[in-house]
Amino acid sequence: MCLESIVQQCMDDYEVILVDDGSTDSSGTICDEYAAKHPQFRVIHMENQGVASARNRGVTESRSEYILFLDSDDYLIPGIVAPLLRLALENNLDVLGFGYKNVAENEIATDTKANNVPESIEVMNGIDYISRYNYTAQVWWYLVRRKLIVKNNLSLPVGRVLEEAGFNLRLFLTAERISQVPTIAYCYRNRATSIMHDNDKEHVSKMLGDYLYAAQDMDSVIKVNRHIMSDDCYERCRTRRDSYVLFGAIRAFKLGKVKEYLKDAKNKKLYPFERLSEKDYPGAKFILLHWLVTTPWLWRLLSSVYCIFR
């Protein structure tokens, strides 16, 4: 479905770089078969190093003006890339964000407004964009000018989950021309076997460190760029940083590792943290969560009770 959705874009002047990240199933063979049929497709076979390494390799190998990251589980709305690319080129954009749709594992989206691409758009710099939009953390929901990544030596950290956190923030802060359209272009499959849904204890334990890594990476970007940020931009970035600490604390709660997690967060100067912005995390639920997580003895006690009776 993923590769076929690329073919269904019906474009002539484009390239597709398929990175086979050490697959152990038939994925590599399927990639080779598509490359044999479609001259725009090129396959790179490499040892398994994770999604970040695969994406970094794709950027290095690419020669296109704009890049769109597409995960192998997901797919694009047919015929949507060309009009989005036209908007990016006509408006000399560094980044163009678009809408996405969550779909079930075996669902094929049929009710999206694939042709609803606006004729005119509002263009802003990265600071204003962050101030206005609660942007999605993933790298697959935008078109990005390749030279913006290369010029600023941006890359995704290898061996991490949530690796896009600092990457996206650095990207937006260096962008001079960004726009966002509501057009749904990307279909994200919710798979029970995906990395984010993996409930294996060893995996979840590693993810606790990745939550703090993401927060710490964002913190370093904020400190370097605080002097150029507006107050609204800073509040959005600060909230996004602290949200990683909060959601990591929830995972630690379910795993019975609250004490270790909060100690690590405190040592990294990420805890305690302020209440998340009401703009992005409204309601009593997040007020209560903030109070509980930043009351360590209570959060540990509740976690112990949860782990006994779950």
Protein backbone atom coordinates (compact mmCIF):
# COMPACT_ATOMS: atom_id res chain seq x y z
CA MET A 1 0.00 0.00 0.00
CA CYS A 2 2.82 2.40 0.87
CA LEU A 3 4.75 2.03 -2.40
CA GLU A 4 1.61 1.84 -4.50
CA SER A 5 0.42 5.14 -3.03
CA ILE A 6 3.64 6.72 -4.32
CA VAL A 7 3.05 5.35 -7.82
CA GLN A 8 -0.50 6.75 -7.64
CA GLN A 9 0.90 10.28 -7.32
CA CYS A 10 1.13 10.23 -11.13
CA MET A 11 4.19 12.48 -11.25
CA ASP A 12 7.07 12.34 -13.70
CA ASP A 13 9.82 14.46 -12.19
CA TYR A 14 10.49 12.92 -8.79
CA GLU A 15 12.73 10.42 -7.03
CA VAL A 16 11.91 7.75 -4.49
CA ILE A 17 14.68 6.47 -2.24
CA LEU A 18 13.75 3.19 -0.59
CA VAL A 19 15.97 2.41 2.37
CA ASP A 20 15.87 -1.28 3.28
CA ASP A 21 17.07 -1.11 6.87
CA GLY A 22 18.23 -4.70 7.24
CA SER A 23 14.77 -6.19 6.84
CA THR A 24 14.41 -9.89 7.61
CA ASP A 25 11.17 -10.40 5.67
CA SER A 26 10.45 -9.86 1.98
CA SER A 27 10.58 -6.05 2.16
CA GLY A 28 13.94 -5.81 0.43
CA THR A 29 12.75 -7.97 -2.47
CA ILE A 30 9.57 -5.92 -2.83
CA CYS A 31 11.65 -2.73 -2.97
CA ASP A 32 13.84 -4.23 -5.70
CA GLU A 33 10.77 -5.26 -7.70
CA TYR A 34 9.33 -1.74 -7.59
CA ALA A 35 12.68 -0.24 -8.58
CA ALA A 36 12.81 -2.59 -11.58
CA LYS A 37 9.38 -1.39 -12.73
CA HIS A 38 9.71 2.33 -11.95
CA PRO A 39 12.86 4.26 -12.94
CA GLN A 40 12.19 6.92 -10.28
CA PHE A 41 12.68 4.32 -7.52
CA ARG A 42 16.13 3.61 -6.11
CA VAL A 43 16.87 1.05 -3.38
CA ILE A 44 19.54 1.23 -0.70
CA HIS A 45 20.15 -1.94 1.29
CA MET A 46 21.91 -1.42 4.62
CA GLU A 47 22.41 -3.18 7.93
CA ASN A 48 19.72 -2.55 10.50
CA GLN A 49 20.48 0.65 12.38
CA GLY A 50 16.99 1.97 13.04
CA VAL A 51 14.61 4.44 11.46
CA ALA A 52 16.72 7.52 12.21
CA SER A 53 19.72 6.11 10.38
CA ALA A 54 17.53 5.15 7.42
CA ARG A 55 16.08 8.65 7.20
CA ASN A 56 19.49 10.26 7.49
CA ARG A 57 20.77 8.05 4.67
CA GLY A 58 17.77 9.00 2.55
CA VAL A 59 18.53 12.70 2.98
CA THR A 60 22.18 12.13 2.08
CA GLU A 61 21.29 10.20 -1.07
CA SER A 62 18.52 12.54 -2.19
CA ARG A 63 19.03 15.12 -4.93
CA SER A 64 15.51 16.55 -4.91
CA GLU A 65 14.70 20.11 -3.92
CA TYR A 66 12.05 18.96 -1.44
CA ILE A 67 11.84 15.86 0.73
CA LEU A 68 8.81 14.06 2.12
CA PHE A 69 9.47 11.29 4.65
CA LEU A 70 7.14 8.31 4.36
CA ASP A 71 7.13 5.39 6.79
CA SER A 72 6.62 1.96 5.29
CA ASP A 73 3.51 1.30 7.40
CA ASP A 74 1.74 4.39 6.09
CA TYR A 75 0.56 5.72 2.74
CA LEU A 76 -0.25 8.92 0.85
CA ILE A 77 -3.53 10.14 -0.59
CA PRO A 78 -3.37 9.57 -4.39
CA GLY A 79 -2.45 12.62 -6.45
CA ILE A 80 -1.79 14.88 -3.46
CA VAL A 81 1.95 15.50 -3.66
CA ALA A 82 1.96 17.45 -6.95
CA PRO A 83 -0.35 20.28 -5.78
CA LEU A 84 1.46 20.50 -2.44
CA LEU A 85 4.80 20.70 -4.22
CA ARG A 86 3.41 23.39 -6.50
CA LEU A 87 2.46 25.47 -3.46
CA ALA A 88 5.92 25.02 -1.96
CA LEU A 89 7.68 26.03 -5.17
CA GLU A 90 5.41 28.98 -6.00
CA ASN A 91 5.82 30.40 -2.49
CA ASN A 92 9.52 29.55 -2.11
CA LEU A 93 8.80 27.65 1.11
CA ASP A 94 11.31 26.03 3.41
CA VAL A 95 8.62 23.88 5.04
CA LEU A 96 5.01 23.08 4.15
CA GLY A 97 2.95 21.26 6.77
CA PHE A 98 -0.24 19.40 5.86
CA GLY A 99 -3.00 17.39 7.52
CA TYR A 100 -2.96 13.68 8.26
CA LYS A 101 -5.49 11.01 9.11
CA ASN A 102 -5.23 8.19 11.63
CA VAL A 103 -6.41 4.96 10.04
CA ALA A 104 -6.84 1.43 11.35
CA GLU A 105 -4.24 -1.16 10.39
CA ASN A 106 -6.31 -2.61 7.53
CA GLU A 107 -8.26 0.53 6.63
CA ILE A 108 -8.01 2.35 3.32
CA ALA A 109 -8.96 6.03 3.65
CA THR A 110 -11.75 7.03 1.27
CA ASP A 111 -13.30 10.15 2.81
CA THR A 112 -10.34 12.52 2.68
CA LYS A 113 -10.47 15.76 0.72
CA ALA A 114 -7.54 14.92 -1.50
CA ASN A 115 -8.12 17.77 -3.91
CA ASN A 116 -8.82 20.44 -1.30
CA VAL A 117 -5.49 22.23 -1.69
CA PRO A 118 -5.81 26.01 -1.23
CA GLU A 119 -4.72 28.35 -4.00
CA SER A 120 -3.23 30.89 -1.61
CA ILE A 121 -1.47 30.44 1.73
CA GLU A 122 -0.07 32.51 4.56
CA VAL A 123 3.70 32.42 4.87
CA MET A 124 5.53 33.06 8.14
CA ASN A 125 8.91 32.49 9.74
CA GLY A 126 9.64 29.58 12.07
CA ILE A 127 9.21 31.52 15.31
CA ASP A 128 5.76 32.78 14.31
CA TYR A 129 4.84 29.32 13.08
CA ILE A 130 5.71 27.65 16.38
CA SER A 131 3.82 30.40 18.23
CA ARG A 132 0.69 29.75 16.20
CA TYR A 133 0.62 25.98 15.66
CA ASN A 134 0.85 23.06 18.05
CA TYR A 135 2.82 21.23 15.41
CA THR A 136 2.95 17.46 15.16
CA ALA A 137 6.23 16.01 16.37
CA GLN A 138 6.70 13.51 13.53
CA VAL A 139 8.87 14.26 10.48
CA TRP A 140 6.41 12.70 8.03
CA TRP A 141 3.79 15.42 8.06
CA TYR A 142 5.58 18.08 6.01
CA LEU A 143 7.48 18.81 2.84
CA VAL A 144 10.90 20.25 3.66
CA ARG A 145 13.50 21.91 1.49
CA ARG A 146 16.46 19.55 1.41
CA LYS A 147 19.10 22.28 1.50
CA LEU A 148 17.65 23.57 4.81
CA ILE A 149 18.56 20.22 6.39
CA VAL A 150 21.97 20.05 4.73
CA LYS A 151 22.91 23.72 5.29
CA ASN A 152 22.24 23.47 9.02
CA ASN A 153 23.84 20.03 9.41
CA LEU A 154 20.63 18.57 10.81
CA SER A 155 20.31 14.85 11.40
CA LEU A 156 18.18 12.51 13.46
CA PRO A 157 19.87 10.89 16.49
CA VAL A 158 20.45 7.20 15.81
CA GLY A 159 19.23 4.58 18.26
CA ARG A 160 16.49 6.67 19.82
CA VAL A 161 12.71 6.60 19.86
CA LEU A 162 11.12 10.10 19.77
CA GLU A 163 14.16 11.11 17.75
CA GLU A 164 12.29 13.87 15.90
CA ALA A 165 11.82 16.19 18.90
CA GLY A 166 15.00 18.24 18.66
CA PHE A 167 15.27 17.76 14.89
CA ASN A 168 11.91 19.39 14.20
CA LEU A 169 12.55 22.28 16.56
CA ARG A 170 15.94 23.02 14.99
CA LEU A 171 14.39 22.77 11.54
CA PHE A 172 11.58 25.22 12.28
CA LEU A 173 13.80 27.74 14.04
CA THR A 174 16.11 27.91 11.02
CA ALA A 175 13.25 28.16 8.50
CA GLU A 176 12.41 31.59 7.13
CA ARG A 177 9.33 30.64 5.11
CA ILE A 178 6.82 28.12 6.51
CA SER A 179 3.16 27.53 5.83
CA GLN A 180 0.48 25.08 6.92
CA VAL A 181 -2.51 23.79 4.95
CA PRO A 182 -5.44 21.73 6.30
CA THR A 183 -5.30 19.37 3.31
CA ILE A 184 -5.12 15.72 4.37
CA ALA A 185 -2.21 14.15 2.52
CA TYR A 186 -0.85 11.44 4.82
CA CYS A 187 -2.51 8.37 6.29
CA TYR A 188 -0.93 7.14 9.51
CA ARG A 189 -1.64 3.52 10.36
CA ASN A 190 -2.24 2.66 14.02
CA ARG A 191 -0.54 -0.70 14.35
CA ALA A 192 -0.58 -2.71 17.57
CA THR A 193 2.95 -3.93 16.80
CA SER A 194 4.46 -0.48 16.20
CA ILE A 195 7.34 0.82 18.31
CA MET A 196 5.13 3.26 20.19
CA HIS A 197 2.63 0.51 21.10
CA ASP A 198 5.22 -2.05 22.17
CA ASN A 199 4.50 -2.95 25.80
CA ASP A 200 7.54 -5.18 26.31
CA LYS A 201 9.03 -4.21 29.68
CA GLU A 202 12.58 -4.02 28.38
CA HIS A 203 11.49 -1.82 25.49
CA VAL A 204 9.41 0.46 27.72
CA SER A 205 12.31 0.80 30.16
CA LYS A 206 14.54 1.98 27.31
CA MET A 207 11.83 4.39 26.22
CA LEU A 208 11.96 6.10 29.62
CA GLY A 209 15.47 7.22 28.77
CA ASP A 210 14.34 8.28 25.31
CA TYR A 211 11.62 10.52 26.75
CA LEU A 212 14.24 12.31 28.82
CA TYR A 213 16.67 12.39 25.91
CA ALA A 214 14.01 14.10 23.75
CA ALA A 215 13.27 16.62 26.50
CA GLN A 216 16.97 17.29 27.12
CA ASP A 217 17.63 17.70 23.39
CA MET A 218 14.80 20.22 23.12
CA ASP A 219 16.07 21.98 26.24
CA SER A 220 19.47 22.50 24.63
CA VAL A 221 17.83 24.01 21.53
CA ILE A 222 15.68 26.31 23.67
CA LYS A 223 18.67 27.58 25.66
CA VAL A 224 20.64 28.40 22.52
CA ASN A 225 17.71 30.14 20.81
CA ARG A 226 15.79 31.69 23.72
CA HIS A 227 17.03 35.19 22.82
CA ILE A 228 15.32 35.09 19.41
CA MET A 229 12.07 33.50 20.59
CA SER A 230 8.90 35.43 21.24
CA ASP A 231 7.17 34.69 24.53
CA ASP A 232 4.50 32.66 22.73
CA CYS A 233 7.15 30.66 20.87
CA TYR A 234 9.05 29.98 24.08
CA GLU A 235 5.91 28.86 25.92
CA ARG A 236 5.06 26.41 23.13
CA CYS A 237 8.60 25.01 23.07
CA ARG A 238 8.80 24.84 26.85
CA THR A 239 5.48 22.99 26.98
CA ARG A 240 6.54 20.53 24.29
CA ARG A 241 9.78 19.84 26.19
CA ASP A 242 7.98 19.30 29.49
CA SER A 243 5.32 17.13 27.88
CA TYR A 244 7.98 14.52 27.12
CA VAL A 245 8.89 14.45 30.81
CA LEU A 246 5.22 14.15 31.78
CA PHE A 247 4.36 11.31 29.39
CA GLY A 248 7.56 9.52 30.32
CA ALA A 249 6.48 9.77 33.96
CA ILE A 250 3.19 8.10 33.04
CA ARG A 251 5.06 5.20 31.43
CA ALA A 252 7.33 4.97 34.49
CA PHE A 253 4.18 4.88 36.66
CA LYS A 254 2.85 1.83 34.82
CA LEU A 255 6.23 0.12 34.95
CA GLY A 256 6.86 0.75 38.66
CA LYS A 257 9.96 2.86 37.96
CA VAL A 258 8.80 6.26 39.15
CA LYS A 259 11.60 6.78 41.68
CA GLU A 260 14.39 6.09 39.19
CA TYR A 261 12.74 8.08 36.42
CA LEU A 262 12.07 11.21 38.47
CA LYS A 263 15.58 11.09 39.93
CA ASP A 264 17.05 10.92 36.44
CA ALA A 265 14.81 13.77 35.28
CA LYS A 266 15.85 15.88 38.25
CA ASN A 267 19.55 15.20 37.64
CA LYS A 268 19.05 16.39 34.07
CA LYS A 269 17.36 19.56 35.42
CA LEU A 270 14.10 18.66 33.71
CA TYR A 271 12.07 18.11 36.89
CA PRO A 272 10.02 19.49 38.49
CA PHE A 273 8.45 21.41 35.61
CA GLU A 274 5.79 24.07 35.20
CA ARG A 275 2.16 23.43 34.32
CA LEU A 276 1.83 22.66 30.60
CA SER A 277 0.35 25.46 28.53
CA GLU A 278 -3.44 25.63 28.80
CA LYS A 279 -3.49 26.39 25.07
CA ASP A 280 -2.14 22.97 24.13
CA TYR A 281 -3.13 20.88 27.17
CA PRO A 282 -6.43 22.30 28.45
CA GLY A 283 -8.72 21.04 31.17
CA ALA A 284 -8.71 19.62 34.67
CA LYS A 285 -7.10 16.35 33.51
CA PHE A 286 -3.73 17.98 32.85
CA ILE A 287 -3.93 20.17 35.93
CA LEU A 288 -4.39 17.02 38.03
CA LEU A 289 -1.66 15.12 36.16
CA HIS A 290 0.81 17.96 36.70
CA TRP A 291 0.05 18.07 40.42
CA LEU A 292 0.38 14.31 40.81
CA VAL A 293 3.61 13.97 38.82
CA THR A 294 5.25 16.91 40.58
CA THR A 295 4.31 15.47 43.98
CA PRO A 296 6.87 12.65 43.85
CA TRP A 297 5.95 10.75 47.03
CA LEU A 298 2.30 10.57 45.94
CA TRP A 299 3.16 9.56 42.37
CA ARG A 300 5.41 6.78 43.70
CA LEU A 301 2.72 5.58 46.12
CA LEU A 302 0.02 5.46 43.46
CA SER A 303 2.40 3.63 41.12
CA SER A 304 3.12 0.99 43.78
CA VAL A 305 -0.60 0.42 44.33
CA TYR A 306 -1.21 0.24 40.58
CA CYS A 307 1.55 -2.32 40.05
CA ILE A 308 0.19 -4.54 42.86
CA PHE A 309 -3.42 -4.63 41.63
CA ARG A 310 -3.10 -4.33 37.85
